Every structure is written in structure tokens, then in C-alpha cells.
Amino acid sequence: MSRDAASAFEKLVDIVSALRAPDGCPWDRDQTSASLLPFFLEEVYEVIESVDNQNWEEVKEELGDILLHVVMQALIAEENGFFKLDQSLNHVSEKLVRRHPHVFGDAKADAAFEAKQNWEATKHKEKNRSSRLDGVPKTLPALVRSQRLQQKASYAGFDWDKVEHVWDKVHEEIQELKEAQSADTKAHMEEEIGDVLFAVVNLARFLEIPAEDALRKANQKFTDRFALVEQELQRRGKSVEDSSLKEMDKIWNEVKHGTN
């Protein structure tokens, strides 16, 4: 199996090299590291969607598309004299060994949390960073970045010891938001909403639930249910515009409880 994967990967590299060649595809030749980024981001989200849908045929296809981008980026870098693909592969292999001393060395890690602590501690030293929170990209979606910052703080030992304390923080931030609303100060309300979201993300992290995934699924659930409300209204010969909130809310609850 490993030899088959290696052979298939080498074939992909050869194909992409042919596409980038002077007599290859004009579009592929025109691509740069920067121009590929929007397409790469789209492919990542397609992987996420496929996993959410548990459509493994699509996952297989989308992972191939991700590998295509990896190879294309590496070949562009090699053409510009930055680095070669094998250097990138060797680098990640060496990093995996170095940051898993509990597997490839004498360190101990009896749980996933301890293993991640080893990783973060080693990475912090390697990068010579000033803060344990450094290294989380500012361009990440806000929920993802929030959870990653909290995780990094936790691996450094800065964390609640009981979930009840996290709940207390959530309720505290909600109360502060209510007070900010009463004061009717826009900037203060914005700040407190941020604090509420940060506290809820912290609760999600404590419960080992990715906040971004949870919200994405909630978005889809809302979309699906609202579509059913629209369909029911259409069945009644009505539209959203000429329906009351009370009528739509009644249908919503029927859809929610599966009675529609």
C-alpha cells in the first residue's frame, strides 16, 4: 500500500510538472503561489463539507485536489529557487519525529493532552517565540482562532480546572452584555458580545467540541429548517412576505419537532 501511494504521488508530480512545462497548459503555467490561494481555500472548505456530509467518495476526490495544490505550490517554489518538494517533505518528517518524543524518544505521554503539551512546548522552543500564544494566524476564522488561542494557553497550564467555572464565566459575560445594552453604548455592547462569544468558545473547548464546526452545523440546520418553512408556506399558497411571524414561528416549531 505504501509503495502504491508513493508511485501515485510520483505520477502526480510528473503530471503537474508537465502542465507547468513550456509546452504545457497556459493556465497552469500562469499560476503563482499567490494566485492559487483562493482556489486552495475553496478546496479546503470542500473537504470540510464532504467530511460533514460523510461522503467519503467526495472526501477522496477533494483530498486529491488538496494534494494537487501542494504539489503545484512546491513546484512553483522550486522554479523560483526557494526550495524543493523533497525538502518540504523531509522537513515535516523531521518535525514529526522531533515533536513526538513520547513516540520516538524517551518522553512520556499517557494522554492526548500530554502529547499535545509536548508538541507545543517543543514548537515554542524551536521557533524561539516570546509568547506561548504566538503562531496562531490572525487570518483564521475568528471562532477557530479563539479556540486555538485558548488551547495554547491551556497547554501552558493557564486553564480552568472545572467546567462549572467556565459556565460561571459564560453567565458573567452575558450579564455584562445585558448591562452594556441597558447603557446603550454601542462600543461597549460590541466588546461584551465579543466576550460572550469568547466565553462560549471556551466552553466548547472545555467540552472538546470545535466551536467552528458546531456553528457551521447550526447554520446548516437553520438553513434546512427555514427552507422547510418556505416549502410549507408555498404548499399553503403563501410566501414569506405575506405571512405573519406568528404563522412562520408555528410552522418552525412543527418542523423542529418533526410534526409538520
C-alpha atoms as a PDB file:
ATOM      1  CA  MET A   1       0.000   0.000   0.000  1.00  0.00           C
ATOM      2  CA  SER A   2       2.786   2.417   0.872  1.00  0.00           C
ATOM      3  CA  ARG A   3       4.596   1.685  -2.403  1.00  0.00           C
ATOM      4  CA  ASP A   4       1.350   2.243  -4.329  1.00  0.00           C
ATOM      5  CA  ALA A   5       0.848   5.612  -2.644  1.00  0.00           C
ATOM      6  CA  ALA A   6       4.453   6.618  -3.361  1.00  0.00           C
ATOM      7  CA  SER A   7       4.062   5.627  -7.005  1.00  0.00           C
ATOM      8  CA  ALA A   8       0.785   7.532  -7.324  1.00  0.00           C
ATOM      9  CA  PHE A   9       2.315  10.619  -5.704  1.00  0.00           C
ATOM     10  CA  GLU A  10       5.274  10.491  -8.093  1.00  0.00           C
ATOM     11  CA  LYS A  11       2.847  10.228 -11.013  1.00  0.00           C
ATOM     12  CA  LEU A  12       1.008  13.335  -9.779  1.00  0.00           C
ATOM     13  CA  VAL A  13       4.281  15.248  -9.555  1.00  0.00           C
ATOM     14  CA  ASP A  14       5.152  14.236 -13.134  1.00  0.00           C
ATOM     15  CA  ILE A  15       1.742  15.344 -14.419  1.00  0.00           C
ATOM     16  CA  VAL A  16       1.893  18.729 -12.685  1.00  0.00           C
ATOM     17  CA  SER A  17       5.440  19.194 -13.967  1.00  0.00           C
ATOM     18  CA  ALA A  18       4.169  18.553 -17.499  1.00  0.00           C
ATOM     19  CA  LEU A  19       1.378  21.081 -17.007  1.00  0.00           C
ATOM     20  CA  ARG A  20       3.903  23.698 -15.874  1.00  0.00           C
ATOM     21  CA  ALA A  21       6.300  22.962 -18.751  1.00  0.00           C
ATOM     22  CA  PRO A  22       6.746  25.467 -21.628  1.00  0.00           C
ATOM     23  CA  ASP A  23       4.597  23.273 -23.866  1.00  0.00           C
ATOM     24  CA  GLY A  24       2.093  22.538 -21.109  1.00  0.00           C
ATOM     25  CA  CYS A  25      -1.180  24.194 -20.117  1.00  0.00           C
ATOM     26  CA  PRO A  26      -1.244  28.017 -20.450  1.00  0.00           C
ATOM     27  CA  TRP A  27      -3.472  28.393 -17.388  1.00  0.00           C
ATOM     28  CA  ASP A  28      -1.296  26.198 -15.178  1.00  0.00           C
ATOM     29  CA  ARG A  29       1.856  27.973 -16.373  1.00  0.00           C
ATOM     30  CA  ASP A  30       0.356  31.342 -15.461  1.00  0.00           C
ATOM     31  CA  GLN A  31      -0.356  30.407 -11.835  1.00  0.00           C
ATOM     32  CA  THR A  32       1.701  31.811  -8.984  1.00  0.00           C
ATOM     33  CA  SER A  33       1.869  30.950  -5.293  1.00  0.00           C
ATOM     34  CA  ALA A  34      -0.486  33.845  -4.568  1.00  0.00           C
ATOM     35  CA  SER A  35      -2.937  33.275  -7.431  1.00  0.00           C
ATOM     36  CA  LEU A  36      -3.577  29.704  -6.274  1.00  0.00           C
ATOM     37  CA  LEU A  37      -4.557  30.657  -2.720  1.00  0.00           C
ATOM     38  CA  PRO A  38      -8.282  31.383  -3.341  1.00  0.00           C
ATOM     39  CA  PHE A  39      -8.639  28.038  -5.127  1.00  0.00           C
ATOM     40  CA  PHE A  40      -6.755  26.271  -2.359  1.00  0.00           C
ATOM     41  CA  LEU A  41      -9.009  27.779   0.287  1.00  0.00           C
ATOM     42  CA  GLU A  42     -12.054  26.682  -1.692  1.00  0.00           C
ATOM     43  CA  GLU A  43     -10.707  23.116  -1.834  1.00  0.00           C
ATOM     44  CA  VAL A  44     -10.153  23.087   1.932  1.00  0.00           C
ATOM     45  CA  TYR A  45     -13.757  24.087   2.539  1.00  0.00           C
ATOM     46  CA  GLU A  46     -14.917  21.425   0.099  1.00  0.00           C
ATOM     47  CA  VAL A  47     -13.045  18.842   2.181  1.00  0.00           C
ATOM     48  CA  ILE A  48     -14.756  20.161   5.301  1.00  0.00           C
ATOM     49  CA  GLU A  49     -18.172  19.972   3.644  1.00  0.00           C
ATOM     50  CA  SER A  50     -17.538  16.443   2.391  1.00  0.00           C
ATOM     51  CA  VAL A  51     -16.488  15.249   5.847  1.00  0.00           C
ATOM     52  CA  ASP A  52     -19.541  16.933   7.391  1.00  0.00           C
ATOM     53  CA  ASN A  53     -21.723  15.043   4.898  1.00  0.00           C
ATOM     54  CA  GLN A  54     -19.727  11.837   5.481  1.00  0.00           C
ATOM     55  CA  ASN A  55     -19.465  11.500   1.705  1.00  0.00           C
ATOM     56  CA  TRP A  56     -16.237   9.511   1.530  1.00  0.00           C
ATOM     57  CA  GLU A  57     -16.154   9.397  -2.262  1.00  0.00           C
ATOM     58  CA  GLU A  58     -16.097  13.185  -2.241  1.00  0.00           C
ATOM     59  CA  VAL A  59     -13.521  13.227   0.545  1.00  0.00           C
ATOM     60  CA  LYS A  60     -11.306  11.008  -1.590  1.00  0.00           C
ATOM     61  CA  GLU A  61     -11.666  13.376  -4.541  1.00  0.00           C
ATOM     62  CA  GLU A  62     -11.199  16.564  -2.523  1.00  0.00           C
ATOM     63  CA  LEU A  63      -8.084  15.273  -0.750  1.00  0.00           C
ATOM     64  CA  GLY A  64      -6.638  14.608  -4.196  1.00  0.00           C
ATOM     65  CA  ASP A  65      -7.363  18.215  -5.120  1.00  0.00           C
ATOM     66  CA  ILE A  66      -5.562  19.360  -1.959  1.00  0.00           C
ATOM     67  CA  LEU A  67      -2.535  17.259  -2.922  1.00  0.00           C
ATOM     68  CA  LEU A  68      -2.610  18.817  -6.384  1.00  0.00           C
ATOM     69  CA  HIS A  69      -2.299  22.256  -4.790  1.00  0.00           C
ATOM     70  CA  VAL A  70       0.511  21.085  -2.520  1.00  0.00           C
ATOM     71  CA  VAL A  71       2.465  19.771  -5.491  1.00  0.00           C
ATOM     72  CA  MET A  72       1.743  22.855  -7.599  1.00  0.00           C
ATOM     73  CA  GLN A  73       2.899  25.203  -4.824  1.00  0.00           C
ATOM     74  CA  ALA A  74       6.052  23.156  -4.279  1.00  0.00           C
ATOM     75  CA  LEU A  75       6.926  23.117  -7.992  1.00  0.00           C
ATOM     76  CA  ILE A  76       6.400  26.876  -8.267  1.00  0.00           C
ATOM     77  CA  ALA A  77       8.703  27.340  -5.277  1.00  0.00           C
ATOM     78  CA  GLU A  78      11.318  25.112  -6.919  1.00  0.00           C
ATOM     79  CA  GLU A  79      11.076  27.055 -10.193  1.00  0.00           C
ATOM     80  CA  ASN A  80      11.809  30.225  -8.248  1.00  0.00           C
ATOM     81  CA  GLY A  81      14.730  28.638  -6.413  1.00  0.00           C
ATOM     82  CA  PHE A  82      13.057  28.817  -2.976  1.00  0.00           C
ATOM     83  CA  PHE A  83      13.003  25.113  -2.053  1.00  0.00           C
ATOM     84  CA  LYS A  84      12.275  21.674  -3.476  1.00  0.00           C
ATOM     85  CA  LEU A  85       9.360  19.357  -2.719  1.00  0.00           C
ATOM     86  CA  ASP A  86      11.583  16.710  -1.119  1.00  0.00           C
ATOM     87  CA  GLN A  87      12.963  19.372   1.243  1.00  0.00           C
ATOM     88  CA  SER A  88       9.435  20.207   2.358  1.00  0.00           C
ATOM     89  CA  LEU A  89       8.630  16.520   2.861  1.00  0.00           C
ATOM     90  CA  ASN A  90      11.844  15.901   4.778  1.00  0.00           C
ATOM     91  CA  HIS A  91      11.197  18.954   6.918  1.00  0.00           C
ATOM     92  CA  VAL A  92       7.753  17.777   8.035  1.00  0.00           C
ATOM     93  CA  SER A  93       9.039  14.238   8.652  1.00  0.00           C
ATOM     94  CA  GLU A  94      11.866  15.521  10.844  1.00  0.00           C
ATOM     95  CA  LYS A  95       9.444  17.813  12.665  1.00  0.00           C
ATOM     96  CA  LEU A  96       7.025  14.985  13.399  1.00  0.00           C
ATOM     97  CA  VAL A  97       9.805  12.884  14.912  1.00  0.00           C
ATOM     98  CA  ARG A  98      11.226  15.813  16.877  1.00  0.00           C
ATOM     99  CA  ARG A  99       7.865  16.873  18.295  1.00  0.00           C
ATOM    100  CA  HIS A 100       6.775  13.376  19.291  1.00  0.00           C
ATOM    101  CA  PRO A 101       9.431  12.481  21.851  1.00  0.00           C
ATOM    102  CA  HIS A 102       6.889  10.211  23.544  1.00  0.00           C
ATOM    103  CA  VAL A 103       6.867   8.070  20.382  1.00  0.00           C
ATOM    104  CA  PHE A 104      10.377   8.451  19.001  1.00  0.00           C
ATOM    105  CA  GLY A 105      12.199   9.251  22.253  1.00  0.00           C
ATOM    106  CA  ASP A 106      12.091   8.673  25.975  1.00  0.00           C
ATOM    107  CA  ALA A 107       9.395  11.185  26.943  1.00  0.00           C
ATOM    108  CA  LYS A 108       6.100  10.012  28.403  1.00  0.00           C
ATOM    109  CA  ALA A 109       2.596  10.969  27.289  1.00  0.00           C
ATOM    110  CA  ASP A 110      -0.221   8.807  28.561  1.00  0.00           C
ATOM    111  CA  ALA A 111      -2.982  11.010  27.131  1.00  0.00           C
ATOM    112  CA  ALA A 112      -3.633  13.135  24.060  1.00  0.00           C
ATOM    113  CA  PHE A 113      -3.425  16.337  26.137  1.00  0.00           C
ATOM    114  CA  GLU A 114       0.073  15.452  27.349  1.00  0.00           C
ATOM    115  CA  ALA A 115       1.140  14.614  23.798  1.00  0.00           C
ATOM    116  CA  LYS A 116      -0.066  17.999  22.582  1.00  0.00           C
ATOM    117  CA  GLN A 117       1.692  19.684  25.512  1.00  0.00           C
ATOM    118  CA  ASN A 118       4.950  18.074  24.378  1.00  0.00           C
ATOM    119  CA  TRP A 119       4.300  19.320  20.822  1.00  0.00           C
ATOM    120  CA  GLU A 120       3.543  22.883  21.881  1.00  0.00           C
ATOM    121  CA  ALA A 121       6.487  23.099  24.284  1.00  0.00           C
ATOM    122  CA  THR A 122       8.920  21.790  21.667  1.00  0.00           C
ATOM    123  CA  LYS A 123       7.495  24.087  18.980  1.00  0.00           C
ATOM    124  CA  HIS A 124       7.772  27.105  21.277  1.00  0.00           C
ATOM    125  CA  LYS A 125      11.473  26.437  21.827  1.00  0.00           C
ATOM    126  CA  GLU A 126      12.192  25.711  18.168  1.00  0.00           C
ATOM    127  CA  LYS A 127      10.535  28.928  16.994  1.00  0.00           C
ATOM    128  CA  ASN A 128      12.144  30.960  19.798  1.00  0.00           C
ATOM    129  CA  ARG A 129       8.835  32.704  20.391  1.00  0.00           C
ATOM    130  CA  SER A 130       8.265  35.305  23.078  1.00  0.00           C
ATOM    131  CA  SER A 131       4.735  34.189  23.930  1.00  0.00           C
ATOM    132  CA  ARG A 132       3.046  30.806  24.084  1.00  0.00           C
ATOM    133  CA  LEU A 133       0.172  32.338  22.123  1.00  0.00           C
ATOM    134  CA  ASP A 134       2.377  33.256  19.157  1.00  0.00           C
ATOM    135  CA  GLY A 135       1.930  31.400  15.903  1.00  0.00           C
ATOM    136  CA  VAL A 136      -1.873  31.396  15.619  1.00  0.00           C
ATOM    137  CA  PRO A 137      -2.587  33.087  12.244  1.00  0.00           C
ATOM    138  CA  LYS A 138      -4.583  36.291  12.524  1.00  0.00           C
ATOM    139  CA  THR A 139      -6.342  35.432   9.279  1.00  0.00           C
ATOM    140  CA  LEU A 140      -8.013  32.332  10.754  1.00  0.00           C
ATOM    141  CA  PRO A 141     -11.796  32.500  11.137  1.00  0.00           C
ATOM    142  CA  ALA A 142     -12.434  34.215  14.462  1.00  0.00           C
ATOM    143  CA  LEU A 143     -14.001  31.173  16.160  1.00  0.00           C
ATOM    144  CA  VAL A 144     -11.139  28.919  15.116  1.00  0.00           C
ATOM    145  CA  ARG A 145      -8.518  31.433  16.223  1.00  0.00           C
ATOM    146  CA  SER A 146     -10.265  31.973  19.546  1.00  0.00           C
ATOM    147  CA  GLN A 147     -10.290  28.253  20.284  1.00  0.00           C
ATOM    148  CA  ARG A 148      -6.665  27.819  19.222  1.00  0.00           C
ATOM    149  CA  LEU A 149      -5.534  30.681  21.464  1.00  0.00           C
ATOM    150  CA  GLN A 150      -7.399  29.117  24.380  1.00  0.00           C
ATOM    151  CA  GLN A 151      -5.888  25.710  23.627  1.00  0.00           C
ATOM    152  CA  LYS A 152      -2.393  27.133  23.581  1.00  0.00           C
ATOM    153  CA  ALA A 153      -2.987  28.835  26.921  1.00  0.00           C
ATOM    154  CA  SER A 154      -4.324  25.570  28.315  1.00  0.00           C
ATOM    155  CA  TYR A 155      -1.283  23.595  27.167  1.00  0.00           C
ATOM    156  CA  ALA A 156       0.829  26.167  29.022  1.00  0.00           C
ATOM    157  CA  GLY A 157      -1.141  25.460  32.204  1.00  0.00           C
ATOM    158  CA  PHE A 158      -3.450  28.506  32.084  1.00  0.00           C
ATOM    159  CA  ASP A 159      -6.926  26.959  32.252  1.00  0.00           C
ATOM    160  CA  TRP A 160      -9.960  26.347  34.429  1.00  0.00           C
ATOM    161  CA  ASP A 161      -9.912  23.135  36.438  1.00  0.00           C
ATOM    162  CA  LYS A 162     -13.693  22.557  36.409  1.00  0.00           C
ATOM    163  CA  VAL A 163     -16.362  23.078  33.764  1.00  0.00           C
ATOM    164  CA  GLU A 164     -18.544  24.799  36.383  1.00  0.00           C
ATOM    165  CA  HIS A 165     -16.064  27.671  36.418  1.00  0.00           C
ATOM    166  CA  VAL A 166     -16.387  28.013  32.658  1.00  0.00           C
ATOM    167  CA  TRP A 167     -20.182  28.154  32.965  1.00  0.00           C
ATOM    168  CA  ASP A 168     -19.826  30.849  35.625  1.00  0.00           C
ATOM    169  CA  LYS A 169     -17.738  32.877  33.179  1.00  0.00           C
ATOM    170  CA  VAL A 170     -20.333  32.470  30.424  1.00  0.00           C
ATOM    171  CA  HIS A 171     -23.118  33.701  32.724  1.00  0.00           C
ATOM    172  CA  GLU A 172     -20.910  36.552  33.963  1.00  0.00           C
ATOM    173  CA  GLU A 173     -20.230  37.753  30.414  1.00  0.00           C
ATOM    174  CA  ILE A 174     -23.913  37.507  29.458  1.00  0.00           C
ATOM    175  CA  GLN A 175     -24.837  39.636  32.472  1.00  0.00           C
ATOM    176  CA  GLU A 176     -22.219  42.211  31.491  1.00  0.00           C
ATOM    177  CA  LEU A 177     -23.677  42.269  27.975  1.00  0.00           C
ATOM    178  CA  LYS A 178     -27.144  42.923  29.378  1.00  0.00           C
ATOM    179  CA  GLU A 179     -25.735  45.807  31.428  1.00  0.00           C
ATOM    180  CA  ALA A 180     -23.993  47.212  28.355  1.00  0.00           C
ATOM    181  CA  GLN A 181     -27.266  47.047  26.414  1.00  0.00           C
ATOM    182  CA  SER A 182     -29.031  48.920  29.215  1.00  0.00           C
ATOM    183  CA  ALA A 183     -26.387  51.644  28.990  1.00  0.00           C
ATOM    184  CA  ASP A 184     -26.993  51.732  25.214  1.00  0.00           C
ATOM    185  CA  THR A 185     -23.325  52.186  24.386  1.00  0.00           C
ATOM    186  CA  LYS A 186     -22.582  50.614  21.006  1.00  0.00           C
ATOM    187  CA  ALA A 187     -18.830  50.158  21.516  1.00  0.00           C
ATOM    188  CA  HIS A 188     -19.371  48.613  24.946  1.00  0.00           C
ATOM    189  CA  MET A 189     -22.033  46.234  23.600  1.00  0.00           C
ATOM    190  CA  GLU A 190     -19.687  45.148  20.827  1.00  0.00           C
ATOM    191  CA  GLU A 191     -16.943  44.457  23.354  1.00  0.00           C
ATOM    192  CA  GLU A 192     -19.253  42.448  25.608  1.00  0.00           C
ATOM    193  CA  ILE A 193     -20.666  40.428  22.700  1.00  0.00           C
ATOM    194  CA  GLY A 194     -17.072  39.532  21.850  1.00  0.00           C
ATOM    195  CA  ASP A 195     -16.504  38.468  25.446  1.00  0.00           C
ATOM    196  CA  VAL A 196     -19.662  36.335  25.401  1.00  0.00           C
ATOM    197  CA  LEU A 197     -18.572  34.627  22.186  1.00  0.00           C
ATOM    198  CA  PHE A 198     -15.074  34.083  23.573  1.00  0.00           C
ATOM    199  CA  ALA A 199     -16.539  32.534  26.740  1.00  0.00           C
ATOM    200  CA  VAL A 200     -18.855  30.248  24.748  1.00  0.00           C
ATOM    201  CA  VAL A 201     -15.933  29.143  22.585  1.00  0.00           C
ATOM    202  CA  ASN A 202     -14.028  28.430  25.783  1.00  0.00           C
ATOM    203  CA  LEU A 203     -16.914  26.267  26.968  1.00  0.00           C
ATOM    204  CA  ALA A 204     -16.900  24.419  23.637  1.00  0.00           C
ATOM    205  CA  ARG A 205     -13.167  23.840  24.002  1.00  0.00           C
ATOM    206  CA  PHE A 206     -13.594  22.573  27.542  1.00  0.00           C
ATOM    207  CA  LEU A 207     -16.247  20.132  26.281  1.00  0.00           C
ATOM    208  CA  GLU A 208     -13.890  19.114  23.440  1.00  0.00           C
ATOM    209  CA  ILE A 209     -16.239  20.430  20.743  1.00  0.00           C
ATOM    210  CA  PRO A 210     -14.801  22.518  17.875  1.00  0.00           C
ATOM    211  CA  ALA A 211     -16.781  25.761  18.050  1.00  0.00           C
ATOM    212  CA  GLU A 212     -16.389  26.446  14.323  1.00  0.00           C
ATOM    213  CA  ASP A 213     -17.808  23.025  13.452  1.00  0.00           C
ATOM    214  CA  ALA A 214     -20.698  23.452  15.878  1.00  0.00           C
ATOM    215  CA  LEU A 215     -21.652  26.855  14.456  1.00  0.00           C
ATOM    216  CA  ARG A 216     -21.282  25.641  10.866  1.00  0.00           C
ATOM    217  CA  LYS A 217     -23.675  22.765  11.594  1.00  0.00           C
ATOM    218  CA  ALA A 218     -26.076  25.131  13.363  1.00  0.00           C
ATOM    219  CA  ASN A 219     -26.025  27.377  10.273  1.00  0.00           C
ATOM    220  CA  GLN A 220     -26.904  24.405   8.078  1.00  0.00           C
ATOM    221  CA  LYS A 221     -29.664  23.287  10.438  1.00  0.00           C
ATOM    222  CA  PHE A 222     -31.175  26.769  10.367  1.00  0.00           C
ATOM    223  CA  THR A 223     -30.955  26.856   6.568  1.00  0.00           C
ATOM    224  CA  ASP A 224     -32.630  23.452   6.217  1.00  0.00           C
ATOM    225  CA  ARG A 225     -35.446  24.281   8.638  1.00  0.00           C
ATOM    226  CA  PHE A 226     -36.126  27.698   7.117  1.00  0.00           C
ATOM    227  CA  ALA A 227     -36.340  26.052   3.691  1.00  0.00           C
ATOM    228  CA  LEU A 228     -38.988  23.682   5.082  1.00  0.00           C
ATOM    229  CA  VAL A 229     -40.919  26.665   6.458  1.00  0.00           C
ATOM    230  CA  GLU A 230     -40.840  28.258   2.992  1.00  0.00           C
ATOM    231  CA  GLN A 231     -41.960  24.982   1.394  1.00  0.00           C
ATOM    232  CA  GLU A 232     -44.878  24.670   3.819  1.00  0.00           C
ATOM    233  CA  LEU A 233     -45.934  28.246   3.164  1.00  0.00           C
ATOM    234  CA  GLN A 234     -45.741  27.598  -0.572  1.00  0.00           C
ATOM    235  CA  ARG A 235     -47.903  24.493  -0.095  1.00  0.00           C
ATOM    236  CA  ARG A 236     -50.460  26.762   1.540  1.00  0.00           C
ATOM    237  CA  GLY A 237     -50.279  29.149  -1.393  1.00  0.00           C
ATOM    238  CA  LYS A 238     -48.420  31.792   0.572  1.00  0.00           C
ATOM    239  CA  SER A 239     -44.995  33.435   0.626  1.00  0.00           C
ATOM    240  CA  VAL A 240     -42.763  34.684   3.429  1.00  0.00           C
ATOM    241  CA  GLU A 241     -43.700  38.274   2.621  1.00  0.00           C
ATOM    242  CA  ASP A 242     -47.447  37.789   3.171  1.00  0.00           C
ATOM    243  CA  SER A 243     -47.099  35.540   6.238  1.00  0.00           C
ATOM    244  CA  SER A 244     -47.050  36.669   9.855  1.00  0.00           C
ATOM    245  CA  LEU A 245     -44.230  35.958  12.249  1.00  0.00           C
ATOM    246  CA  LYS A 246     -46.684  34.000  14.394  1.00  0.00           C
ATOM    247  CA  GLU A 247     -47.622  31.759  11.464  1.00  0.00           C
ATOM    248  CA  MET A 248     -43.996  31.175  10.459  1.00  0.00           C
ATOM    249  CA  ASP A 249     -42.960  30.526  14.043  1.00  0.00           C
ATOM    250  CA  LYS A 250     -45.732  27.916  14.393  1.00  0.00           C
ATOM    251  CA  ILE A 251     -44.502  26.127  11.268  1.00  0.00           C
ATOM    252  CA  TRP A 252     -40.910  26.426  12.505  1.00  0.00           C
ATOM    253  CA  ASN A 253     -41.767  24.656  15.745  1.00  0.00           C
ATOM    254  CA  GLU A 254     -43.643  21.962  13.836  1.00  0.00           C
ATOM    255  CA  VAL A 255     -40.601  21.421  11.634  1.00  0.00           C
ATOM    256  CA  LYS A 256     -38.295  21.447  14.662  1.00  0.00           C
ATOM    257  CA  HIS A 257     -40.294  18.795  16.458  1.00  0.00           C
ATOM    258  CA  GLY A 258     -40.999  16.768  13.318  1.00  0.00           C
ATOM    259  CA  THR A 259     -44.764  17.267  13.389  1.00  0.00           C
ATOM    260  CA  ASN A 260     -45.028  19.069  10.073  1.00  0.00           C
END
